[in-house]
PDB file of N, CA and C in Angstrom:
ATOM      1  N   MET A   1      37.138  49.407  29.621  1.00  0.00           N
ATOM      2  CA  MET A   1      36.598  49.822  28.351  1.00  0.00           C
ATOM      3  C   MET A   1      36.941  48.804  27.259  1.00  0.00           C
ATOM      4  N   THR A   2      38.162  48.270  27.296  1.00  0.00           N
ATOM      5  CA  THR A   2      38.586  47.289  26.302  1.00  0.00           C
ATOM      6  C   THR A   2      37.724  46.041  26.378  1.00  0.00           C
ATOM      7  N   LEU A   3      37.403  45.603  27.590  1.00  0.00           N
ATOM      8  CA  LEU A   3      36.583  44.407  27.769  1.00  0.00           C
ATOM      9  C   LEU A   3      35.206  44.582  27.131  1.00  0.00           C
ATOM     10  N   LEU A   4      34.601  45.740  27.314  1.00  0.00           N
ATOM     11  CA  LEU A   4      33.285  46.003  26.711  1.00  0.00           C
ATOM     12  C   LEU A   4      33.372  46.068  25.187  1.00  0.00           C
ATOM     13  N   TRP A   5      34.414  46.688  24.680  1.00  0.00           N
ATOM     14  CA  TRP A   5      34.619  46.772  23.229  1.00  0.00           C
ATOM     15  C   TRP A   5      34.790  45.374  22.642  1.00  0.00           C
ATOM     16  N   PHE A   6      35.652  44.572  23.262  1.00  0.00           N
ATOM     17  CA  PHE A   6      35.861  43.206  22.793  1.00  0.00           C
ATOM     18  C   PHE A   6      34.553  42.422  22.818  1.00  0.00           C
ATOM     19  N   THR A   7      33.771  42.575  23.909  1.00  0.00           N
ATOM     20  CA  THR A   7      32.507  41.856  24.055  1.00  0.00           C
ATOM     21  C   THR A   7      31.546  42.214  22.931  1.00  0.00           C
ATOM     22  N   GLU A   8      31.433  43.483  22.618  1.00  0.00           N
ATOM     23  CA  GLU A   8      30.526  43.928  21.547  1.00  0.00           C
ATOM     24  C   GLU A   8      30.925  43.315  20.204  1.00  0.00           C
ATOM     25  N   VAL A   9      32.200  43.355  19.875  1.00  0.00           N
ATOM     26  CA  VAL A   9      32.674  42.806  18.598  1.00  0.00           C
ATOM     27  C   VAL A   9      32.463  41.295  18.551  1.00  0.00           C
ATOM     28  N   LEU A  10      32.774  40.606  19.639  1.00  0.00           N
ATOM     29  CA  LEU A  10      32.639  39.152  19.663  1.00  0.00           C
ATOM     30  C   LEU A  10      31.183  38.701  19.556  1.00  0.00           C
ATOM     31  N   LEU A  11      30.281  39.421  20.190  1.00  0.00           N
ATOM     32  CA  LEU A  11      28.864  39.053  20.125  1.00  0.00           C
ATOM     33  C   LEU A  11      28.283  39.244  18.727  1.00  0.00           C
ATOM     34  N   GLU A  12      28.817  40.182  17.981  1.00  0.00           N
ATOM     35  CA  GLU A  12      28.349  40.423  16.609  1.00  0.00           C
ATOM     36  C   GLU A  12      29.004  39.481  15.604  1.00  0.00           C
ATOM     37  N   ALA A  13      30.114  38.870  15.959  1.00  0.00           N
ATOM     38  CA  ALA A  13      30.850  37.980  15.053  1.00  0.00           C
ATOM     39  C   ALA A  13      30.436  36.528  15.297  1.00  0.00           C
ATOM     40  N   ALA A  14      30.697  35.708  14.317  1.00  0.00           N
ATOM     41  CA  ALA A  14      30.419  34.270  14.441  1.00  0.00           C
ATOM     42  C   ALA A  14      31.654  33.572  14.986  1.00  0.00           C
ATOM     43  N   VAL A  15      31.835  33.644  16.310  1.00  0.00           N
ATOM     44  CA  VAL A  15      32.986  33.014  16.943  1.00  0.00           C
ATOM     45  C   VAL A  15      32.502  31.960  17.923  1.00  0.00           C
ATOM     46  N   THR A  16      33.385  31.046  18.267  1.00  0.00           N
ATOM     47  CA  THR A  16      33.029  29.968  19.189  1.00  0.00           C
ATOM     48  C   THR A  16      33.115  30.441  20.639  1.00  0.00           C
ATOM     49  N   GLU A  17      32.524  29.668  21.522  1.00  0.00           N
ATOM     50  CA  GLU A  17      32.575  29.980  22.947  1.00  0.00           C
ATOM     51  C   GLU A  17      34.021  29.959  23.453  1.00  0.00           C
ATOM     52  N   GLU A  18      34.804  29.003  22.963  1.00  0.00           N
ATOM     53  CA  GLU A  18      36.212  28.904  23.340  1.00  0.00           C
ATOM     54  C   GLU A  18      36.967  30.180  22.951  1.00  0.00           C
ATOM     55  N   GLU A  19      36.671  30.716  21.783  1.00  0.00           N
ATOM     56  CA  GLU A  19      37.329  31.944  21.327  1.00  0.00           C
ATOM     57  C   GLU A  19      36.872  33.150  22.136  1.00  0.00           C
ATOM     58  N   ILE A  20      35.600  33.184  22.527  1.00  0.00           N
ATOM     59  CA  ILE A  20      35.094  34.294  23.346  1.00  0.00           C
ATOM     60  C   ILE A  20      35.809  34.311  24.691  1.00  0.00           C
ATOM     61  N   VAL A  21      35.890  33.162  25.343  1.00  0.00           N
ATOM     62  CA  VAL A  21      36.525  33.084  26.665  1.00  0.00           C
ATOM     63  C   VAL A  21      38.003  33.462  26.579  1.00  0.00           C
ATOM     64  N   SER A  22      38.706  32.927  25.596  1.00  0.00           N
ATOM     65  CA  SER A  22      40.133  33.219  25.448  1.00  0.00           C
ATOM     66  C   SER A  22      40.375  34.696  25.161  1.00  0.00           C
ATOM     67  N   THR A  23      39.569  35.265  24.279  1.00  0.00           N
ATOM     68  CA  THR A  23      39.722  36.677  23.917  1.00  0.00           C
ATOM     69  C   THR A  23      39.407  37.577  25.098  1.00  0.00           C
ATOM     70  N   GLN A  24      38.371  37.243  25.860  1.00  0.00           N
ATOM     71  CA  GLN A  24      38.024  38.045  27.029  1.00  0.00           C
ATOM     72  C   GLN A  24      39.127  37.963  28.087  1.00  0.00           C
ATOM     73  N   ALA A  25      39.735  36.802  28.237  1.00  0.00           N
ATOM     74  CA  ALA A  25      40.837  36.664  29.199  1.00  0.00           C
ATOM     75  C   ALA A  25      42.030  37.521  28.792  1.00  0.00           C
ATOM     76  N   PHE A  26      42.223  37.700  27.505  1.00  0.00           N
ATOM     77  CA  PHE A  26      43.344  38.467  26.972  1.00  0.00           C
ATOM     78  C   PHE A  26      43.074  39.979  26.967  1.00  0.00           C
ATOM     79  N   ALA A  27      41.830  40.386  27.054  1.00  0.00           N
ATOM     80  CA  ALA A  27      41.444  41.793  26.863  1.00  0.00           C
ATOM     81  C   ALA A  27      42.221  42.771  27.745  1.00  0.00           C
ATOM     82  N   ARG A  28      42.511  42.401  28.965  1.00  0.00           N
ATOM     83  CA  ARG A  28      43.222  43.346  29.849  1.00  0.00           C
ATOM     84  C   ARG A  28      44.641  43.637  29.377  1.00  0.00           C
ATOM     85  N   HIS A  29      45.194  42.766  28.529  1.00  0.00           N
ATOM     86  CA  HIS A  29      46.542  42.971  27.993  1.00  0.00           C
ATOM     87  C   HIS A  29      46.513  43.819  26.713  1.00  0.00           C
ATOM     88  N   ALA A  30      45.328  44.099  26.202  1.00  0.00           N
ATOM     89  CA  ALA A  30      45.205  44.763  24.906  1.00  0.00           C
ATOM     90  C   ALA A  30      44.677  46.192  24.998  1.00  0.00           C
ATOM     91  N   VAL A  31      44.845  46.825  26.113  1.00  0.00           N
ATOM     92  CA  VAL A  31      44.364  48.199  26.302  1.00  0.00           C
ATOM     93  C   VAL A  31      44.963  49.145  25.264  1.00  0.00           C
ATOM     94  N   VAL A  32      46.193  48.880  24.838  1.00  0.00           N
ATOM     95  CA  VAL A  32      46.888  49.734  23.871  1.00  0.00           C
ATOM     96  C   VAL A  32      46.123  49.816  22.542  1.00  0.00           C
ATOM     97  N   LEU A  33      45.344  48.801  22.205  1.00  0.00           N
ATOM     98  CA  LEU A  33      44.613  48.797  20.932  1.00  0.00           C
ATOM     99  C   LEU A  33      43.486  49.830  20.898  1.00  0.00           C
ATOM    100  N   TRP A  34      42.958  50.177  22.058  1.00  0.00           N
ATOM    101  CA  TRP A  34      41.819  51.090  22.143  1.00  0.00           C
ATOM    102  C   TRP A  34      42.133  52.455  21.521  1.00  0.00           C
ATOM    103  N   ALA A  35      43.341  52.943  21.693  1.00  0.00           N
ATOM    104  CA  ALA A  35      43.708  54.289  21.234  1.00  0.00           C
ATOM    105  C   ALA A  35      44.045  54.354  19.749  1.00  0.00           C
ATOM    106  N   ILE A  36      44.235  53.216  19.086  1.00  0.00           N
ATOM    107  CA  ILE A  36      44.640  53.212  17.683  1.00  0.00           C
ATOM    108  C   ILE A  36      43.407  53.308  16.789  1.00  0.00           C
ATOM    109  N   GLN A  37      43.327  54.375  15.978  1.00  0.00           N
ATOM    110  CA  GLN A  37      42.161  54.606  15.130  1.00  0.00           C
ATOM    111  C   GLN A  37      42.253  53.903  13.776  1.00  0.00           C
ATOM    112  N   ASN A  38      43.461  53.813  13.229  1.00  0.00           N
ATOM    113  CA  ASN A  38      43.665  53.194  11.923  1.00  0.00           C
ATOM    114  C   ASN A  38      43.528  51.679  12.052  1.00  0.00           C
ATOM    115  N   SER A  39      42.588  51.076  11.293  1.00  0.00           N
ATOM    116  CA  SER A  39      42.308  49.648  11.433  1.00  0.00           C
ATOM    117  C   SER A  39      43.475  48.757  11.021  1.00  0.00           C
ATOM    118  N   GLU A  40      44.224  49.169   9.983  1.00  0.00           N
ATOM    119  CA  GLU A  40      45.380  48.369   9.559  1.00  0.00           C
ATOM    120  C   GLU A  40      46.481  48.397  10.613  1.00  0.00           C
ATOM    121  N   GLU A  41      46.718  49.574  11.170  1.00  0.00           N
ATOM    122  CA  GLU A  41      47.726  49.708  12.223  1.00  0.00           C
ATOM    123  C   GLU A  41      47.305  48.924  13.465  1.00  0.00           C
ATOM    124  N   ARG A  42      46.017  48.971  13.795  1.00  0.00           N
ATOM    125  CA  ARG A  42      45.499  48.241  14.952  1.00  0.00           C
ATOM    126  C   ARG A  42      45.700  46.735  14.762  1.00  0.00           C
ATOM    127  N   ALA A  43      45.442  46.229  13.552  1.00  0.00           N
ATOM    128  CA  ALA A  43      45.627  44.801  13.261  1.00  0.00           C
ATOM    129  C   ALA A  43      47.099  44.408  13.380  1.00  0.00           C
ATOM    130  N   THR A  44      47.988  45.271  12.908  1.00  0.00           N
ATOM    131  CA  THR A  44      49.424  45.005  12.996  1.00  0.00           C
ATOM    132  C   THR A  44      49.876  44.946  14.449  1.00  0.00           C
ATOM    133  N   VAL A  45      49.429  45.908  15.243  1.00  0.00           N
ATOM    134  CA  VAL A  45      49.789  45.942  16.668  1.00  0.00           C
ATOM    135  C   VAL A  45      49.183  44.733  17.386  1.00  0.00           C
ATOM    136  N   ALA A  46      47.969  44.341  17.002  1.00  0.00           N
ATOM    137  CA  ALA A  46      47.324  43.171  17.615  1.00  0.00           C
ATOM    138  C   ALA A  46      48.139  41.910  17.356  1.00  0.00           C
ATOM    139  N   HIS A  47      48.624  41.730  16.135  1.00  0.00           N
ATOM    140  CA  HIS A  47      49.454  40.566  15.806  1.00  0.00           C
ATOM    141  C   HIS A  47      50.730  40.543  16.661  1.00  0.00           C
ATOM    142  N   LYS A  48      51.380  41.700  16.787  1.00  0.00           N
ATOM    143  CA  LYS A  48      52.606  41.780  17.582  1.00  0.00           C
ATOM    144  C   LYS A  48      52.320  41.516  19.058  1.00  0.00           C
ATOM    145  N   LEU A  49      51.224  42.058  19.546  1.00  0.00           N
ATOM    146  CA  LEU A  49      50.858  41.906  20.951  1.00  0.00           C
ATOM    147  C   LEU A  49      50.572  40.447  21.292  1.00  0.00           C
ATOM    148  N   VAL A  50      49.802  39.777  20.467  1.00  0.00           N
ATOM    149  CA  VAL A  50      49.473  38.365  20.699  1.00  0.00           C
ATOM    150  C   VAL A  50      50.732  37.502  20.617  1.00  0.00           C
ATOM    151  N   GLY A  51      51.671  37.887  19.776  1.00  0.00           N
ATOM    152  CA  GLY A  51      52.918  37.144  19.641  1.00  0.00           C
ATOM    153  C   GLY A  51      53.721  37.071  20.925  1.00  0.00           C
ATOM    154  N   ARG A  52      53.480  38.005  21.849  1.00  0.00           N
ATOM    155  CA  ARG A  52      54.194  38.005  23.131  1.00  0.00           C
ATOM    156  C   ARG A  52      53.595  37.033  24.141  1.00  0.00           C
ATOM    157  N   TYR A  53      52.451  36.444  23.809  1.00  0.00           N
ATOM    158  CA  TYR A  53      51.767  35.526  24.716  1.00  0.00           C
ATOM    159  C   TYR A  53      51.646  34.156  24.049  1.00  0.00           C
ATOM    160  N   PRO A  54      52.592  33.270  24.286  1.00  0.00           N
ATOM    161  CA  PRO A  54      52.627  31.988  23.573  1.00  0.00           C
ATOM    162  C   PRO A  54      51.484  31.033  23.907  1.00  0.00           C
ATOM    163  N   ALA A  55      50.698  31.317  24.919  1.00  0.00           N
ATOM    164  CA  ALA A  55      49.575  30.437  25.266  1.00  0.00           C
ATOM    165  C   ALA A  55      48.388  30.619  24.324  1.00  0.00           C
ATOM    166  N   PHE A  56      48.407  31.679  23.506  1.00  0.00           N
ATOM    167  CA  PHE A  56      47.283  31.980  22.625  1.00  0.00           C
ATOM    168  C   PHE A  56      47.638  31.762  21.159  1.00  0.00           C
ATOM    169  N   ASP A  57      46.642  31.319  20.399  1.00  0.00           N
ATOM    170  CA  ASP A  57      46.729  31.296  18.940  1.00  0.00           C
ATOM    171  C   ASP A  57      45.824  32.406  18.422  1.00  0.00           C
ATOM    172  N   LEU A  58      46.320  33.206  17.482  1.00  0.00           N
ATOM    173  CA  LEU A  58      45.509  34.251  16.870  1.00  0.00           C
ATOM    174  C   LEU A  58      44.698  33.627  15.746  1.00  0.00           C
ATOM    175  N   VAL A  59      43.374  33.644  15.876  1.00  0.00           N
ATOM    176  CA  VAL A  59      42.485  33.060  14.874  1.00  0.00           C
ATOM    177  C   VAL A  59      42.283  34.050  13.735  1.00  0.00           C
ATOM    178  N   GLU A  60      41.909  35.288  14.095  1.00  0.00           N
ATOM    179  CA  GLU A  60      41.703  36.363  13.128  1.00  0.00           C
ATOM    180  C   GLU A  60      41.578  37.685  13.874  1.00  0.00           C
ATOM    181  N   VAL A  61      41.578  38.776  13.128  1.00  0.00           N
ATOM    182  CA  VAL A  61      41.351  40.094  13.704  1.00  0.00           C
ATOM    183  C   VAL A  61      40.054  40.630  13.103  1.00  0.00           C
ATOM    184  N   ILE A  62      39.061  40.900  13.960  1.00  0.00           N
ATOM    185  CA  ILE A  62      37.763  41.405  13.520  1.00  0.00           C
ATOM    186  C   ILE A  62      37.578  42.804  14.082  1.00  0.00           C
ATOM    187  N   ASN A  63      37.434  43.785  13.212  1.00  0.00           N
ATOM    188  CA  ASN A  63      37.263  45.184  13.625  1.00  0.00           C
ATOM    189  C   ASN A  63      38.320  45.620  14.630  1.00  0.00           C
ATOM    190  N   GLY A  64      39.546  45.170  14.423  1.00  0.00           N
ATOM    191  CA  GLY A  64      40.643  45.553  15.299  1.00  0.00           C
ATOM    192  C   GLY A  64      40.763  44.732  16.564  1.00  0.00           C
ATOM    193  N   VAL A  65      39.855  43.773  16.756  1.00  0.00           N
ATOM    194  CA  VAL A  65      39.888  42.926  17.948  1.00  0.00           C
ATOM    195  C   VAL A  65      40.527  41.589  17.589  1.00  0.00           C
ATOM    196  N   PRO A  66      41.607  41.212  18.286  1.00  0.00           N
ATOM    197  CA  PRO A  66      42.212  39.907  18.018  1.00  0.00           C
ATOM    198  C   PRO A  66      41.332  38.802  18.609  1.00  0.00           C
ATOM    199  N   VAL A  67      40.890  37.881  17.777  1.00  0.00           N
ATOM    200  CA  VAL A  67      40.103  36.742  18.243  1.00  0.00           C
ATOM    201  C   VAL A  67      41.104  35.618  18.514  1.00  0.00           C
ATOM    202  N   LEU A  68      41.092  35.127  19.747  1.00  0.00           N
ATOM    203  CA  LEU A  68      42.114  34.195  20.192  1.00  0.00           C
ATOM    204  C   LEU A  68      41.537  32.849  20.598  1.00  0.00           C
ATOM    205  N   ARG A  69      42.405  31.869  20.583  1.00  0.00           N
ATOM    206  CA  ARG A  69      42.090  30.526  21.064  1.00  0.00           C
ATOM    207  C   ARG A  69      43.273  30.079  21.911  1.00  0.00           C
ATOM    208  N   MET A  70      42.976  29.489  23.076  1.00  0.00           N
ATOM    209  CA  MET A  70      44.046  28.971  23.928  1.00  0.00           C
ATOM    210  C   MET A  70      44.677  27.758  23.263  1.00  0.00           C
ATOM    211  N   LYS A  71      45.996  27.687  23.323  1.00  0.00           N
ATOM    212  CA  LYS A  71      46.681  26.497  22.834  1.00  0.00           C
ATOM    213  C   LYS A  71      46.452  25.374  23.839  1.00  0.00           C
ATOM    214  N   HIS A  72      46.352  24.173  23.329  1.00  0.00           N
ATOM    215  CA  HIS A  72      46.144  23.025  24.196  1.00  0.00           C
ATOM    216  C   HIS A  72      47.479  22.565  24.767  1.00  0.00           C
ATOM    217  N   ALA A  73      47.438  22.090  25.984  1.00  0.00           N
ATOM    218  CA  ALA A  73      48.649  21.613  26.648  1.00  0.00           C
ATOM    219  C   ALA A  73      48.495  20.133  26.986  1.00  0.00           C
ATOM    220  N   MET A  74      49.608  19.448  27.026  1.00  0.00           N
ATOM    221  CA  MET A  74      49.601  18.048  27.383  1.00  0.00           C
ATOM    222  C   MET A  74      50.498  17.863  28.600  1.00  0.00           C
ATOM    223  N   VAL A  75      50.031  17.072  29.536  1.00  0.00           N
ATOM    224  CA  VAL A  75      50.789  16.813  30.746  1.00  0.00           C
ATOM    225  C   VAL A  75      51.181  15.348  30.759  1.00  0.00           C
ATOM    226  N   GLU A  76      52.442  15.092  31.062  1.00  0.00           N
ATOM    227  CA  GLU A  76      52.933  13.725  31.153  1.00  0.00           C
ATOM    228  C   GLU A  76      53.541  13.525  32.536  1.00  0.00           C
ATOM    229  N   VAL A  77      53.170  12.432  33.183  1.00  0.00           N
ATOM    230  CA  VAL A  77      53.689  12.132  34.511  1.00  0.00           C
ATOM    231  C   VAL A  77      54.935  11.270  34.363  1.00  0.00           C
ATOM    232  N   VAL A  78      56.004  11.696  35.011  1.00  0.00           N
ATOM    233  CA  VAL A  78      57.253  10.938  34.996  1.00  0.00           C
ATOM    234  C   VAL A  78      57.467  10.392  36.405  1.00  0.00           C
ATOM    235  N   ARG A  79      57.656   9.101  36.501  1.00  0.00           N
ATOM    236  CA  ARG A  79      57.874   8.466  37.809  1.00  0.00           C
ATOM    237  C   ARG A  79      59.353   8.094  37.946  1.00  0.00           C
ATOM    238  N   TYR A  80      59.901   8.405  39.108  1.00  0.00           N
ATOM    239  CA  TYR A  80      61.289   8.091  39.394  1.00  0.00           C
ATOM    240  C   TYR A  80      61.327   6.983  40.450  1.00  0.00           C
ATOM    241  N   PRO A  81      62.266   6.054  40.320  1.00  0.00           N
ATOM    242  CA  PRO A  81      62.375   4.996  41.328  1.00  0.00           C
ATOM    243  C   PRO A  81      62.729   5.592  42.693  1.00  0.00           C
ATOM    244  N   ARG A  82      62.220   4.975  43.751  1.00  0.00           N
ATOM    245  CA  ARG A  82      62.509   5.349  45.133  1.00  0.00           C
ATOM    246  C   ARG A  82      61.886   6.672  45.569  1.00  0.00           C
ATOM    247  N   ILE A  83      61.007   7.245  44.792  1.00  0.00           N
ATOM    248  CA  ILE A  83      60.358   8.494  45.214  1.00  0.00           C
ATOM    249  C   ILE A  83      58.851   8.277  45.192  1.00  0.00           C
ATOM    250  N   ILE A  84      58.241   8.553  46.314  1.00  0.00           N
ATOM    251  CA  ILE A  84      56.784   8.475  46.410  1.00  0.00           C
ATOM    252  C   ILE A  84      56.286   9.912  46.440  1.00  0.00           C
ATOM    253  N   ALA A  85      55.482  10.250  45.496  1.00  0.00           N
ATOM    254  CA  ALA A  85      54.973  11.624  45.416  1.00  0.00           C
ATOM    255  C   ALA A  85      53.501  11.638  45.781  1.00  0.00           C
ATOM    256  N   LYS A  86      53.125  12.574  46.608  1.00  0.00           N
ATOM    257  CA  LYS A  86      51.728  12.781  46.964  1.00  0.00           C
ATOM    258  C   LYS A  86      51.266  14.027  46.207  1.00  0.00           C
ATOM    259  N   PRO A  87      50.533  13.835  45.105  1.00  0.00           N
ATOM    260  CA  PRO A  87      50.148  14.994  44.297  1.00  0.00           C
ATOM    261  C   PRO A  87      49.151  15.902  45.012  1.00  0.00           C
ATOM    262  N   GLN A  88      49.341  17.183  44.831  1.00  0.00           N
ATOM    263  CA  GLN A  88      48.431  18.192  45.353  1.00  0.00           C
ATOM    264  C   GLN A  88      48.176  19.184  44.235  1.00  0.00           C
ATOM    265  N   ILE A  89      46.982  19.178  43.719  1.00  0.00           N
ATOM    266  CA  ILE A  89      46.641  20.086  42.622  1.00  0.00           C
ATOM    267  C   ILE A  89      45.787  21.212  43.177  1.00  0.00           C
ATOM    268  N   GLN A  90      46.196  22.441  42.903  1.00  0.00           N
ATOM    269  CA  GLN A  90      45.445  23.606  43.347  1.00  0.00           C
ATOM    270  C   GLN A  90      44.904  24.318  42.120  1.00  0.00           C
ATOM    271  N   LEU A  91      43.621  24.167  41.877  1.00  0.00           N
ATOM    272  CA  LEU A  91      43.019  24.796  40.701  1.00  0.00           C
ATOM    273  C   LEU A  91      42.897  26.293  40.906  1.00  0.00           C
ATOM    274  N   GLY A  92      43.156  27.033  39.841  1.00  0.00           N
ATOM    275  CA  GLY A  92      43.015  28.477  39.892  1.00  0.00           C
ATOM    276  C   GLY A  92      44.248  29.204  40.391  1.00  0.00           C
ATOM    277  N   SER A  93      45.225  28.485  40.909  1.00  0.00           N
ATOM    278  CA  SER A  93      46.403  29.164  41.432  1.00  0.00           C
ATOM    279  C   SER A  93      47.517  29.259  40.398  1.00  0.00           C
ATOM    280  N   GLY A  94      47.358  28.553  39.283  1.00  0.00           N
ATOM    281  CA  GLY A  94      48.340  28.647  38.218  1.00  0.00           C
ATOM    282  C   GLY A  94      49.500  27.683  38.344  1.00  0.00           C
ATOM    283  N   PHE A  95      49.477  26.802  39.354  1.00  0.00           N
ATOM    284  CA  PHE A  95      50.568  25.857  39.463  1.00  0.00           C
ATOM    285  C   PHE A  95      50.067  24.562  40.080  1.00  0.00           C
ATOM    286  N   VAL A  96      50.871  23.531  39.902  1.00  0.00           N
ATOM    287  CA  VAL A  96      50.602  22.236  40.510  1.00  0.00           C
ATOM    288  C   VAL A  96      51.804  21.910  41.381  1.00  0.00           C
ATOM    289  N   SER A  97      51.554  21.566  42.628  1.00  0.00           N
ATOM    290  CA  SER A  97      52.658  21.234  43.518  1.00  0.00           C
ATOM    291  C   SER A  97      52.491  19.814  44.016  1.00  0.00           C
ATOM    292  N   CYS A  98      53.576  19.216  44.395  1.00  0.00           N
ATOM    293  CA  CYS A  98      53.493  17.902  45.017  1.00  0.00           C
ATOM    294  C   CYS A  98      54.617  17.775  46.035  1.00  0.00           C
ATOM    295  N   SER A  99      54.294  17.088  47.116  1.00  0.00           N
ATOM    296  CA  SER A  99      55.322  16.837  48.119  1.00  0.00           C
ATOM    297  C   SER A  99      55.918  15.467  47.828  1.00  0.00           C
ATOM    298  N   GLN A 100      57.195  15.327  48.042  1.00  0.00           N
ATOM    299  CA  GLN A 100      57.870  14.069  47.738  1.00  0.00           C
ATOM    300  C   GLN A 100      58.579  13.545  48.966  1.00  0.00           C
ATOM    301  N   LYS A 101      58.684  12.228  49.048  1.00  0.00           N
ATOM    302  CA  LYS A 101      59.523  11.661  50.095  1.00  0.00           C
ATOM    303  C   LYS A 101      60.315  10.526  49.478  1.00  0.00           C
ATOM    304  N   THR A 102      61.517  10.376  49.924  1.00  0.00           N
ATOM    305  CA  THR A 102      62.404   9.355  49.381  1.00  0.00           C
ATOM    306  C   THR A 102      62.214   8.048  50.147  1.00  0.00           C
ATOM    307  N   VAL A 103      62.131   6.959  49.407  1.00  0.00           N
ATOM    308  CA  VAL A 103      62.014   5.628  50.009  1.00  0.00           C
ATOM    309  C   VAL A 103      63.431   5.120  50.265  1.00  0.00           C
ATOM    310  N   PRO A 104      63.706   4.629  51.467  1.00  0.00           N
ATOM    311  CA  PRO A 104      65.051   4.150  51.742  1.00  0.00           C
ATOM    312  C   PRO A 104      65.406   2.964  50.851  1.00  0.00           C
ATOM    313  N   SER A 105      66.656   2.913  50.429  1.00  0.00           N
ATOM    314  CA  SER A 105      67.082   1.808  49.555  1.00  0.00           C
ATOM    315  C   SER A 105      67.248   0.539  50.373  1.00  0.00           C
ATOM    316  N   GLU A 106      67.055  -0.570  49.718  1.00  0.00           N
ATOM    317  CA  GLU A 106      67.116  -1.876  50.391  1.00  0.00           C
ATOM    318  C   GLU A 106      68.511  -2.410  50.446  1.00  0.00           C
TER     319      GLU A 106
END
């Protein structure tokens, strides 16, 4: 029910595609907002709820729906001497793994 409510509000608002995707991804965590009738109280609870998820930035609250944007992340590769890493990236699994082997010292 929350997903449909969020979708209706987002389609009526002037939000970006990035904000729609981020907000829809967050909707399952915001079920508690559905039961709150008072709009000011709903906005307050929405701010607190989003604060528990550091991957999101709260853009605004529209009709009690928190409009969110994913924070951008930066990845830096660190290379260590004597270690050869074979990277293995698994998309959709939430992690990146790599197998390592040590090069014998000379």
